PDB file of N, CA and C in Angstrom:
ATOM      1  N   UNK A   1     -11.029 -17.327  12.942  1.00  0.00           N
ATOM      2  CA  UNK A   1     -10.691 -16.589  11.657  1.00  0.00           C
ATOM      3  C   UNK A   1     -11.194 -16.563  10.104  1.00  0.00           C
ATOM      4  N   UNK A   2     -11.243 -17.941   9.876  1.00  0.00           N
ATOM      5  CA  UNK A   2     -12.024 -18.095   8.554  1.00  0.00           C
ATOM      6  C   UNK A   2     -13.562 -17.503   8.479  1.00  0.00           C
ATOM      7  N   UNK A   3     -14.329 -17.688   9.714  1.00  0.00           N
ATOM      8  CA  UNK A   3     -15.506 -17.370   9.718  1.00  0.00           C
ATOM      9  C   UNK A   3     -15.691 -15.652   9.519  1.00  0.00           C
ATOM     10  N   UNK A   4     -14.796 -15.001  10.496  1.00  0.00           N
ATOM     11  CA  UNK A   4     -14.512 -13.444  10.417  1.00  0.00           C
ATOM     12  C   UNK A   4     -14.249 -12.948   9.141  1.00  0.00           C
ATOM     13  N   UNK A   5     -13.502 -13.758   8.264  1.00  0.00           N
ATOM     14  CA  UNK A   5     -12.941 -13.539   6.758  1.00  0.00           C
ATOM     15  C   UNK A   5     -14.232 -13.559   5.902  1.00  0.00           C
ATOM     16  N   UNK A   6     -14.789 -14.702   6.039  1.00  0.00           N
ATOM     17  CA  UNK A   6     -16.009 -14.847   5.350  1.00  0.00           C
ATOM     18  C   UNK A   6     -17.250 -13.703   5.324  1.00  0.00           C
ATOM     19  N   UNK A   7     -17.140 -13.564   6.472  1.00  0.00           N
ATOM     20  CA  UNK A   7     -18.309 -12.491   6.855  1.00  0.00           C
ATOM     21  C   UNK A   7     -18.079 -11.198   6.335  1.00  0.00           C
ATOM     22  N   UNK A   8     -17.006 -10.787   6.554  1.00  0.00           N
ATOM     23  CA  UNK A   8     -16.381  -9.413   5.851  1.00  0.00           C
ATOM     24  C   UNK A   8     -16.245  -9.350   4.442  1.00  0.00           C
ATOM     25  N   UNK A   9     -16.092 -10.671   3.930  1.00  0.00           N
ATOM     26  CA  UNK A   9     -15.775 -10.465   2.245  1.00  0.00           C
ATOM     27  C   UNK A   9     -17.406 -10.444   1.873  1.00  0.00           C
ATOM     28  N   UNK A  10     -18.366 -10.915   2.520  1.00  0.00           N
ATOM     29  CA  UNK A  10     -19.686 -10.855   1.969  1.00  0.00           C
ATOM     30  C   UNK A  10     -19.985  -9.561   2.153  1.00  0.00           C
ATOM     31  N   UNK A  11     -19.854  -8.769   3.240  1.00  0.00           N
ATOM     32  CA  UNK A  11     -20.246  -7.561   3.646  1.00  0.00           C
ATOM     33  C   UNK A  11     -19.529  -6.374   2.620  1.00  0.00           C
ATOM     34  N   UNK A  12     -18.252  -6.350   2.489  1.00  0.00           N
ATOM     35  CA  UNK A  12     -17.666  -5.616   1.823  1.00  0.00           C
ATOM     36  C   UNK A  12     -18.026  -5.777   0.541  1.00  0.00           C
ATOM     37  N   UNK A  13     -18.292  -6.931  -0.262  1.00  0.00           N
ATOM     38  CA  UNK A  13     -18.801  -7.107  -1.445  1.00  0.00           C
ATOM     39  C   UNK A  13     -20.149  -6.514  -1.796  1.00  0.00           C
ATOM     40  N   UNK A  14     -21.295  -6.421  -0.530  1.00  0.00           N
ATOM     41  CA  UNK A  14     -22.335  -5.919  -0.975  1.00  0.00           C
ATOM     42  C   UNK A  14     -22.028  -3.994  -0.735  1.00  0.00           C
ATOM     43  N   UNK A  15     -20.884  -3.740  -0.546  1.00  0.00           N
ATOM     44  CA  UNK A  15     -20.743  -2.368  -0.089  1.00  0.00           C
ATOM     45  C   UNK A  15     -19.949  -1.831  -1.275  1.00  0.00           C
ATOM     46  N   UNK A  16     -19.575  -2.740  -2.569  1.00  0.00           N
ATOM     47  CA  UNK A  16     -18.510  -2.390  -3.491  1.00  0.00           C
ATOM     48  C   UNK A  16     -19.346  -1.068  -4.280  1.00  0.00           C
ATOM     49  N   UNK A  17     -20.421  -1.334  -4.499  1.00  0.00           N
ATOM     50  CA  UNK A  17     -21.145  -0.252  -5.432  1.00  0.00           C
ATOM     51  C   UNK A  17     -21.493   0.810  -4.666  1.00  0.00           C
ATOM     52  N   UNK A  18     -21.957   0.719  -3.667  1.00  0.00           N
ATOM     53  CA  UNK A  18     -22.485   1.909  -2.726  1.00  0.00           C
ATOM     54  C   UNK A  18     -21.393   2.970  -2.338  1.00  0.00           C
ATOM     55  N   UNK A  19     -20.301   2.066  -1.697  1.00  0.00           N
ATOM     56  CA  UNK A  19     -19.377   2.983  -1.035  1.00  0.00           C
ATOM     57  C   UNK A  19     -18.354   3.311  -2.044  1.00  0.00           C
ATOM     58  N   UNK A  20     -18.167   2.770  -3.013  1.00  0.00           N
ATOM     59  CA  UNK A  20     -17.140   2.886  -4.124  1.00  0.00           C
ATOM     60  C   UNK A  20     -15.746   2.033  -3.694  1.00  0.00           C
ATOM     61  N   UNK A  21     -14.955   1.827  -4.633  1.00  0.00           N
ATOM     62  CA  UNK A  21     -13.890   0.783  -4.550  1.00  0.00           C
ATOM     63  C   UNK A  21     -12.737   1.531  -3.688  1.00  0.00           C
ATOM     64  N   UNK A  22     -12.355   2.597  -4.297  1.00  0.00           N
ATOM     65  CA  UNK A  22     -11.179   3.403  -3.576  1.00  0.00           C
ATOM     66  C   UNK A  22     -11.419   3.499  -2.326  1.00  0.00           C
ATOM     67  N   UNK A  23     -12.836   3.859  -1.835  1.00  0.00           N
ATOM     68  CA  UNK A  23     -13.014   3.826  -0.209  1.00  0.00           C
ATOM     69  C   UNK A  23     -12.831   2.662   0.540  1.00  0.00           C
ATOM     70  N   UNK A  24     -13.255   1.750  -0.159  1.00  0.00           N
ATOM     71  CA  UNK A  24     -13.289   0.125   0.861  1.00  0.00           C
ATOM     72  C   UNK A  24     -11.594   0.048   0.662  1.00  0.00           C
ATOM     73  N   UNK A  25     -11.094   0.299  -0.378  1.00  0.00           N
ATOM     74  CA  UNK A  25      -9.373   0.082  -0.446  1.00  0.00           C
ATOM     75  C   UNK A  25      -9.001   0.838   0.827  1.00  0.00           C
ATOM     76  N   UNK A  26      -8.963   2.000   0.714  1.00  0.00           N
ATOM     77  CA  UNK A  26      -8.747   2.803   1.688  1.00  0.00           C
ATOM     78  C   UNK A  26      -8.915   2.375   2.919  1.00  0.00           C
ATOM     79  N   UNK A  27     -10.208   2.012   3.540  1.00  0.00           N
ATOM     80  CA  UNK A  27     -10.582   1.601   4.653  1.00  0.00           C
ATOM     81  C   UNK A  27      -9.852   0.128   5.128  1.00  0.00           C
ATOM     82  N   UNK A  28      -9.614  -0.409   4.072  1.00  0.00           N
ATOM     83  CA  UNK A  28      -9.190  -2.030   4.424  1.00  0.00           C
ATOM     84  C   UNK A  28      -7.399  -1.783   4.525  1.00  0.00           C
ATOM     85  N   UNK A  29      -7.172  -0.863   4.145  1.00  0.00           N
ATOM     86  CA  UNK A  29      -5.527  -0.736   4.275  1.00  0.00           C
ATOM     87  C   UNK A  29      -5.486   0.008   5.543  1.00  0.00           C
ATOM     88  N   UNK A  30      -6.181   0.952   5.872  1.00  0.00           N
ATOM     89  CA  UNK A  30      -6.210   1.507   7.460  1.00  0.00           C
ATOM     90  C   UNK A  30      -6.632   0.402   8.436  1.00  0.00           C
ATOM     91  N   UNK A  31      -7.231  -0.356   8.440  1.00  0.00           N
ATOM     92  CA  UNK A  31      -7.710  -1.344   9.199  1.00  0.00           C
ATOM     93  C   UNK A  31      -6.616  -2.378   9.355  1.00  0.00           C
ATOM     94  N   UNK A  32      -6.028  -2.719   8.164  1.00  0.00           N
ATOM     95  CA  UNK A  32      -4.676  -3.665   8.201  1.00  0.00           C
ATOM     96  C   UNK A  32      -3.696  -2.899   9.124  1.00  0.00           C
ATOM     97  N   UNK A  33      -3.304  -1.731   8.769  1.00  0.00           N
ATOM     98  CA  UNK A  33      -2.139  -1.011   9.376  1.00  0.00           C
ATOM     99  C   UNK A  33      -2.487  -0.805  10.870  1.00  0.00           C
ATOM    100  N   UNK A  34      -3.590  -0.603  11.253  1.00  0.00           N
ATOM    101  CA  UNK A  34      -3.910  -0.546  12.876  1.00  0.00           C
ATOM    102  C   UNK A  34      -3.714  -1.830  13.563  1.00  0.00           C
ATOM    103  N   UNK A  35      -4.394  -3.196  12.773  1.00  0.00           N
ATOM    104  CA  UNK A  35      -3.823  -4.294  13.228  1.00  0.00           C
ATOM    105  C   UNK A  35      -2.445  -4.978  13.603  1.00  0.00           C
ATOM    106  N   UNK A  36      -1.930  -4.296  12.247  1.00  0.00           N
ATOM    107  CA  UNK A  36      -0.431  -4.891  12.377  1.00  0.00           C
ATOM    108  C   UNK A  36       0.399  -3.996  13.475  1.00  0.00           C
ATOM    109  N   UNK A  37       0.140  -2.659  13.586  1.00  0.00           N
ATOM    110  CA  UNK A  37       0.570  -1.566  14.627  1.00  0.00           C
ATOM    111  C   UNK A  37       0.259  -2.312  16.039  1.00  0.00           C
ATOM    112  N   UNK A  38      -1.114  -2.886  16.473  1.00  0.00           N
ATOM    113  CA  UNK A  38      -1.395  -3.388  17.708  1.00  0.00           C
ATOM    114  C   UNK A  38      -0.364  -4.641  17.955  1.00  0.00           C
ATOM    115  N   UNK A  39      -0.535  -5.292  16.953  1.00  0.00           N
ATOM    116  CA  UNK A  39       0.391  -6.517  17.065  1.00  0.00           C
ATOM    117  C   UNK A  39       1.908  -6.322  17.399  1.00  0.00           C
ATOM    118  N   UNK A  40       2.532  -5.030  16.804  1.00  0.00           N
ATOM    119  CA  UNK A  40       3.841  -4.921  17.106  1.00  0.00           C
ATOM    120  C   UNK A  40       3.985  -4.452  18.374  1.00  0.00           C
ATOM    121  N   UNK A  41       3.213  -3.450  18.839  1.00  0.00           N
ATOM    122  CA  UNK A  41       2.984  -2.951  20.257  1.00  0.00           C
ATOM    123  C   UNK A  41       3.066  -3.878  21.427  1.00  0.00           C
ATOM    124  N   UNK A  42       2.015  -4.980  20.798  1.00  0.00           N
ATOM    125  CA  UNK A  42       2.064  -6.208  21.875  1.00  0.00           C
ATOM    126  C   UNK A  42       3.396  -6.933  22.049  1.00  0.00           C
ATOM    127  N   UNK A  43       3.988  -6.941  20.863  1.00  0.00           N
ATOM    128  CA  UNK A  43       5.248  -7.858  20.744  1.00  0.00           C
ATOM    129  C   UNK A  43       6.255  -6.981  21.617  1.00  0.00           C
ATOM    130  N   UNK A  44       6.584  -5.705  21.190  1.00  0.00           N
ATOM    131  CA  UNK A  44       7.506  -5.092  21.695  1.00  0.00           C
ATOM    132  C   UNK A  44       7.504  -4.539  23.242  1.00  0.00           C
ATOM    133  N   UNK A  45       5.969  -4.650  23.737  1.00  0.00           N
ATOM    134  CA  UNK A  45       5.803  -4.073  25.063  1.00  0.00           C
ATOM    135  C   UNK A  45       6.105  -5.362  26.072  1.00  0.00           C
ATOM    136  N   UNK A  46       6.355  -6.397  25.715  1.00  0.00           N
ATOM    137  CA  UNK A  46       6.651  -7.436  26.582  1.00  0.00           C
ATOM    138  C   UNK A  46       5.240  -8.080  27.103  1.00  0.00           C
ATOM    139  N   UNK A  47       4.000  -7.660  26.797  1.00  0.00           N
ATOM    140  CA  UNK A  47       2.992  -8.315  27.508  1.00  0.00           C
ATOM    141  C   UNK A  47       2.588  -9.824  26.606  1.00  0.00           C
ATOM    142  N   UNK A  48       3.537 -10.764  26.599  1.00  0.00           N
ATOM    143  CA  UNK A  48       3.235 -11.824  26.106  1.00  0.00           C
ATOM    144  C   UNK A  48       2.272 -13.025  26.632  1.00  0.00           C
ATOM    145  N   UNK A  49       1.847 -12.525  27.719  1.00  0.00           N
ATOM    146  CA  UNK A  49       0.733 -13.292  28.409  1.00  0.00           C
ATOM    147  C   UNK A  49      -0.569 -12.777  27.973  1.00  0.00           C
ATOM    148  N   UNK A  50      -0.949 -11.633  27.529  1.00  0.00           N
ATOM    149  CA  UNK A  50      -2.156 -11.109  27.239  1.00  0.00           C
ATOM    150  C   UNK A  50      -2.438 -11.698  25.745  1.00  0.00           C
ATOM    151  N   UNK A  51      -3.183 -12.757  25.519  1.00  0.00           N
ATOM    152  CA  UNK A  51      -3.508 -13.165  24.477  1.00  0.00           C
ATOM    153  C   UNK A  51      -4.373 -12.502  23.505  1.00  0.00           C
ATOM    154  N   UNK A  52      -5.340 -11.650  24.367  1.00  0.00           N
ATOM    155  CA  UNK A  52      -6.407 -10.697  23.686  1.00  0.00           C
ATOM    156  C   UNK A  52      -5.732  -9.652  22.802  1.00  0.00           C
ATOM    157  N   UNK A  53      -4.686  -9.300  23.009  1.00  0.00           N
ATOM    158  CA  UNK A  53      -4.045  -8.353  22.112  1.00  0.00           C
ATOM    159  C   UNK A  53      -3.434  -9.034  20.931  1.00  0.00           C
ATOM    160  N   UNK A  54      -3.117 -10.236  20.554  1.00  0.00           N
ATOM    161  CA  UNK A  54      -2.676 -10.808  19.640  1.00  0.00           C
ATOM    162  C   UNK A  54      -3.953 -11.273  18.978  1.00  0.00           C
ATOM    163  N   UNK A  55      -4.861 -11.703  19.471  1.00  0.00           N
ATOM    164  CA  UNK A  55      -6.362 -12.121  19.011  1.00  0.00           C
ATOM    165  C   UNK A  55      -6.713 -11.145  18.255  1.00  0.00           C
ATOM    166  N   UNK A  56      -6.977  -9.949  19.140  1.00  0.00           N
ATOM    167  CA  UNK A  56      -7.539  -8.528  18.239  1.00  0.00           C
ATOM    168  C   UNK A  56      -6.831  -8.216  16.923  1.00  0.00           C
ATOM    169  N   UNK A  57      -5.562  -8.166  17.316  1.00  0.00           N
ATOM    170  CA  UNK A  57      -4.670  -7.597  16.189  1.00  0.00           C
ATOM    171  C   UNK A  57      -4.843  -8.336  15.057  1.00  0.00           C
ATOM    172  N   UNK A  58      -4.953  -9.820  15.115  1.00  0.00           N
ATOM    173  CA  UNK A  58      -5.070 -10.802  13.957  1.00  0.00           C
ATOM    174  C   UNK A  58      -6.215 -10.664  13.393  1.00  0.00           C
ATOM    175  N   UNK A  59      -7.488 -10.761  14.143  1.00  0.00           N
ATOM    176  CA  UNK A  59      -8.695 -10.390  13.458  1.00  0.00           C
ATOM    177  C   UNK A  59      -8.953  -8.713  12.861  1.00  0.00           C
ATOM    178  N   UNK A  60      -8.059  -7.928  13.546  1.00  0.00           N
ATOM    179  CA  UNK A  60      -8.146  -6.580  12.559  1.00  0.00           C
ATOM    180  C   UNK A  60      -7.637  -6.828  11.383  1.00  0.00           C
ATOM    181  N   UNK A  61      -6.326  -7.505  11.514  1.00  0.00           N
ATOM    182  CA  UNK A  61      -5.723  -7.543  10.249  1.00  0.00           C
ATOM    183  C   UNK A  61      -6.575  -8.316   9.052  1.00  0.00           C
ATOM    184  N   UNK A  62      -6.979  -9.424   9.433  1.00  0.00           N
ATOM    185  CA  UNK A  62      -8.065 -10.155   8.746  1.00  0.00           C
ATOM    186  C   UNK A  62      -9.133  -9.563   8.037  1.00  0.00           C
ATOM    187  N   UNK A  63      -9.772  -8.865   8.713  1.00  0.00           N
ATOM    188  CA  UNK A  63     -11.076  -7.667   8.622  1.00  0.00           C
ATOM    189  C   UNK A  63     -10.560  -6.893   7.394  1.00  0.00           C
ATOM    190  N   UNK A  64      -9.354  -6.060   7.814  1.00  0.00           N
ATOM    191  CA  UNK A  64      -8.905  -5.035   6.700  1.00  0.00           C
ATOM    192  C   UNK A  64      -8.389  -6.013   5.647  1.00  0.00           C
ATOM    193  N   UNK A  65      -7.871  -6.926   5.389  1.00  0.00           N
ATOM    194  CA  UNK A  65      -7.448  -7.553   4.512  1.00  0.00           C
ATOM    195  C   UNK A  65      -8.867  -8.158   3.725  1.00  0.00           C
ATOM    196  N   UNK A  66      -9.694  -8.550   4.265  1.00  0.00           N
ATOM    197  CA  UNK A  66     -10.759  -9.075   3.520  1.00  0.00           C
ATOM    198  C   UNK A  66     -11.661  -7.559   2.969  1.00  0.00           C
ATOM    199  N   UNK A  67     -11.841  -6.595   3.443  1.00  0.00           N
ATOM    200  CA  UNK A  67     -12.348  -5.314   2.964  1.00  0.00           C
ATOM    201  C   UNK A  67     -11.728  -4.982   2.022  1.00  0.00           C
ATOM    202  N   UNK A  68     -10.362  -4.703   2.098  1.00  0.00           N
ATOM    203  CA  UNK A  68      -9.575  -4.044   1.107  1.00  0.00           C
ATOM    204  C   UNK A  68      -9.336  -4.792   0.029  1.00  0.00           C
ATOM    205  N   UNK A  69      -8.040  -5.373   0.114  1.00  0.00           N
ATOM    206  CA  UNK A  69      -7.060  -6.213  -1.181  1.00  0.00           C
ATOM    207  C   UNK A  69      -7.907  -7.324  -1.269  1.00  0.00           C
ATOM    208  N   UNK A  70      -8.779  -8.179  -0.386  1.00  0.00           N
ATOM    209  CA  UNK A  70      -9.122  -9.328  -0.454  1.00  0.00           C
ATOM    210  C   UNK A  70     -10.339  -9.241  -1.354  1.00  0.00           C
ATOM    211  N   UNK A  71     -11.284  -8.134  -1.421  1.00  0.00           N
ATOM    212  CA  UNK A  71     -12.201  -8.205  -2.370  1.00  0.00           C
ATOM    213  C   UNK A  71     -12.036  -7.357  -3.852  1.00  0.00           C
ATOM    214  N   UNK A  72     -11.461  -6.116  -3.253  1.00  0.00           N
ATOM    215  CA  UNK A  72     -11.240  -5.125  -4.492  1.00  0.00           C
ATOM    216  C   UNK A  72     -10.317  -5.705  -5.394  1.00  0.00           C
ATOM    217  N   UNK A  73      -9.262  -6.340  -4.925  1.00  0.00           N
ATOM    218  CA  UNK A  73      -8.469  -6.905  -6.073  1.00  0.00           C
ATOM    219  C   UNK A  73      -9.110  -7.956  -6.997  1.00  0.00           C
ATOM    220  N   UNK A  74      -9.860  -8.838  -6.646  1.00  0.00           N
ATOM    221  CA  UNK A  74     -10.270  -9.740  -7.505  1.00  0.00           C
ATOM    222  C   UNK A  74     -11.472  -8.941  -8.386  1.00  0.00           C
ATOM    223  N   UNK A  75     -12.116  -7.930  -7.798  1.00  0.00           N
ATOM    224  CA  UNK A  75     -12.947  -7.184  -8.894  1.00  0.00           C
ATOM    225  C   UNK A  75     -12.243  -6.508  -9.959  1.00  0.00           C
ATOM    226  N   UNK A  76     -11.180  -5.917  -9.693  1.00  0.00           N
ATOM    227  CA  UNK A  76     -10.535  -4.967 -10.527  1.00  0.00           C
ATOM    228  C   UNK A  76      -9.755  -6.014 -11.449  1.00  0.00           C
ATOM    229  N   UNK A  77      -9.312  -7.262 -10.952  1.00  0.00           N
ATOM    230  CA  UNK A  77      -8.803  -7.939 -12.058  1.00  0.00           C
ATOM    231  C   UNK A  77      -9.888  -8.514 -13.087  1.00  0.00           C
ATOM    232  N   UNK A  78     -10.689  -8.547 -12.529  1.00  0.00           N
ATOM    233  CA  UNK A  78     -11.777  -9.176 -13.507  1.00  0.00           C
ATOM    234  C   UNK A  78     -12.500  -8.350 -14.534  1.00  0.00           C
ATOM    235  N   UNK A  79     -12.237  -6.693 -14.237  1.00  0.00           N
ATOM    236  CA  UNK A  79     -12.833  -5.838 -14.969  1.00  0.00           C
ATOM    237  C   UNK A  79     -11.875  -5.058 -15.978  1.00  0.00           C
ATOM    238  N   UNK A  80     -10.548  -5.003 -15.708  1.00  0.00           N
ATOM    239  CA  UNK A  80      -9.434  -4.680 -16.603  1.00  0.00           C
ATOM    240  C   UNK A  80      -8.898  -5.282 -17.820  1.00  0.00           C
ATOM    241  N   UNK A  81      -9.601  -6.365 -18.022  1.00  0.00           N
ATOM    242  CA  UNK A  81      -9.279  -7.210 -19.474  1.00  0.00           C
ATOM    243  C   UNK A  81     -10.320  -6.972 -20.529  1.00  0.00           C
ATOM    244  N   UNK A  82      -9.903  -6.813 -21.715  1.00  0.00           N
ATOM    245  CA  UNK A  82     -10.930  -6.913 -22.681  1.00  0.00           C
ATOM    246  C   UNK A  82     -11.730  -8.049 -22.821  1.00  0.00           C
ATOM    247  N   UNK A  83     -12.987  -8.372 -23.086  1.00  0.00           N
ATOM    248  CA  UNK A  83     -13.962  -9.167 -23.162  1.00  0.00           C
ATOM    249  C   UNK A  83     -13.178 -10.559 -24.209  1.00  0.00           C
ATOM    250  N   UNK A  84     -12.593 -10.001 -25.115  1.00  0.00           N
ATOM    251  CA  UNK A  84     -11.823 -11.183 -26.115  1.00  0.00           C
ATOM    252  C   UNK A  84     -10.942 -11.853 -25.215  1.00  0.00           C
ATOM    253  N   UNK A  85     -10.053 -11.310 -24.567  1.00  0.00           N
ATOM    254  CA  UNK A  85      -9.112 -12.383 -23.769  1.00  0.00           C
ATOM    255  C   UNK A  85      -9.533 -12.535 -22.449  1.00  0.00           C
ATOM    256  N   UNK A  86     -10.427 -12.018 -21.925  1.00  0.00           N
ATOM    257  CA  UNK A  86     -10.880 -12.074 -20.681  1.00  0.00           C
ATOM    258  C   UNK A  86     -10.628 -13.515 -19.599  1.00  0.00           C
ATOM    259  N   UNK A  87     -10.977 -14.784 -20.390  1.00  0.00           N
ATOM    260  CA  UNK A  87     -10.882 -15.704 -19.867  1.00  0.00           C
ATOM    261  C   UNK A  87      -9.404 -16.223 -19.645  1.00  0.00           C
ATOM    262  N   UNK A  88      -8.537 -15.990 -20.649  1.00  0.00           N
ATOM    263  CA  UNK A  88      -7.174 -16.431 -20.329  1.00  0.00           C
ATOM    264  C   UNK A  88      -6.373 -15.600 -19.453  1.00  0.00           C
ATOM    265  N   UNK A  89      -6.786 -14.320 -19.525  1.00  0.00           N
ATOM    266  CA  UNK A  89      -6.090 -13.384 -18.946  1.00  0.00           C
ATOM    267  C   UNK A  89      -6.375 -13.690 -17.174  1.00  0.00           C
ATOM    268  N   UNK A  90      -7.651 -13.892 -17.118  1.00  0.00           N
ATOM    269  CA  UNK A  90      -8.243 -13.950 -15.739  1.00  0.00           C
ATOM    270  C   UNK A  90      -7.464 -15.371 -15.132  1.00  0.00           C
ATOM    271  N   UNK A  91      -7.328 -16.228 -15.922  1.00  0.00           N
ATOM    272  CA  UNK A  91      -6.534 -17.456 -15.630  1.00  0.00           C
ATOM    273  C   UNK A  91      -4.915 -17.268 -15.275  1.00  0.00           C
ATOM    274  N   UNK A  92      -4.373 -16.269 -15.937  1.00  0.00           N
ATOM    275  CA  UNK A  92      -3.117 -16.430 -15.529  1.00  0.00           C
ATOM    276  C   UNK A  92      -3.059 -15.013 -14.417  1.00  0.00           C
ATOM    277  N   UNK A  93      -3.598 -14.281 -14.345  1.00  0.00           N
ATOM    278  CA  UNK A  93      -3.776 -13.080 -13.414  1.00  0.00           C
ATOM    279  C   UNK A  93      -4.235 -14.096 -11.862  1.00  0.00           C
ATOM    280  N   UNK A  94      -5.024 -15.155 -12.149  1.00  0.00           N
ATOM    281  CA  UNK A  94      -5.255 -16.036 -10.680  1.00  0.00           C
ATOM    282  C   UNK A  94      -4.000 -16.543 -10.367  1.00  0.00           C
ATOM    283  N   UNK A  95      -3.636 -17.422 -11.340  1.00  0.00           N
ATOM    284  CA  UNK A  95      -2.300 -18.251 -10.882  1.00  0.00           C
ATOM    285  C   UNK A  95      -1.169 -17.171 -10.456  1.00  0.00           C
ATOM    286  N   UNK A  96      -1.027 -15.842 -11.132  1.00  0.00           N
ATOM    287  CA  UNK A  96      -0.021 -15.104 -10.683  1.00  0.00           C
ATOM    288  C   UNK A  96      -0.250 -14.671  -8.947  1.00  0.00           C
ATOM    289  N   UNK A  97      -1.462 -14.329  -8.696  1.00  0.00           N
ATOM    290  CA  UNK A  97      -2.165 -13.773  -7.729  1.00  0.00           C
ATOM    291  C   UNK A  97      -1.963 -14.863  -6.371  1.00  0.00           C
ATOM    292  N   UNK A  98      -2.525 -16.048  -6.735  1.00  0.00           N
ATOM    293  CA  UNK A  98      -2.180 -17.107  -5.755  1.00  0.00           C
ATOM    294  C   UNK A  98      -0.616 -17.606  -5.605  1.00  0.00           C
ATOM    295  N   UNK A  99       0.213 -17.494  -6.480  1.00  0.00           N
ATOM    296  CA  UNK A  99       1.532 -17.658  -6.512  1.00  0.00           C
ATOM    297  C   UNK A  99       2.165 -16.672  -5.396  1.00  0.00           C
ATOM    298  N   UNK A 100       1.820 -15.456  -5.751  1.00  0.00           N
ATOM    299  CA  UNK A 100       2.386 -14.412  -4.779  1.00  0.00           C
ATOM    300  C   UNK A 100       1.729 -14.405  -3.407  1.00  0.00           C
ATOM    301  N   UNK A 101       0.459 -14.822  -3.272  1.00  0.00           N
ATOM    302  CA  UNK A 101      -0.161 -14.768  -1.745  1.00  0.00           C
ATOM    303  C   UNK A 101       0.358 -16.170  -1.199  1.00  0.00           C
ATOM    304  N   UNK A 102       0.969 -17.001  -1.481  1.00  0.00           N
ATOM    305  CA  UNK A 102       1.363 -18.288  -1.293  1.00  0.00           C
ATOM    306  C   UNK A 102       2.538 -17.899  -0.308  1.00  0.00           C
TER     307      UNK A 102
END
């Protein structure tokens, strides 16, 4: 899962300027929703022995987060603060983000 996360963060970072932030964010959200939907269908259908459903849905959710919120969120938080207070503001926003993600 960590390897998939790292690969897709690197890929989405390279596409940020070409494809646009909004498009990558919408793509990431769509993939995350699809992965979560497949996971819920797997749970509620009673297919508890089919581990490929769970693995696929977890990987899709990881890919969606890596493409969308995982990459675009860090970029936006680094660009929205003025240069004068950027260092302090990024420290506070990083603490808040890590606390919320914990």
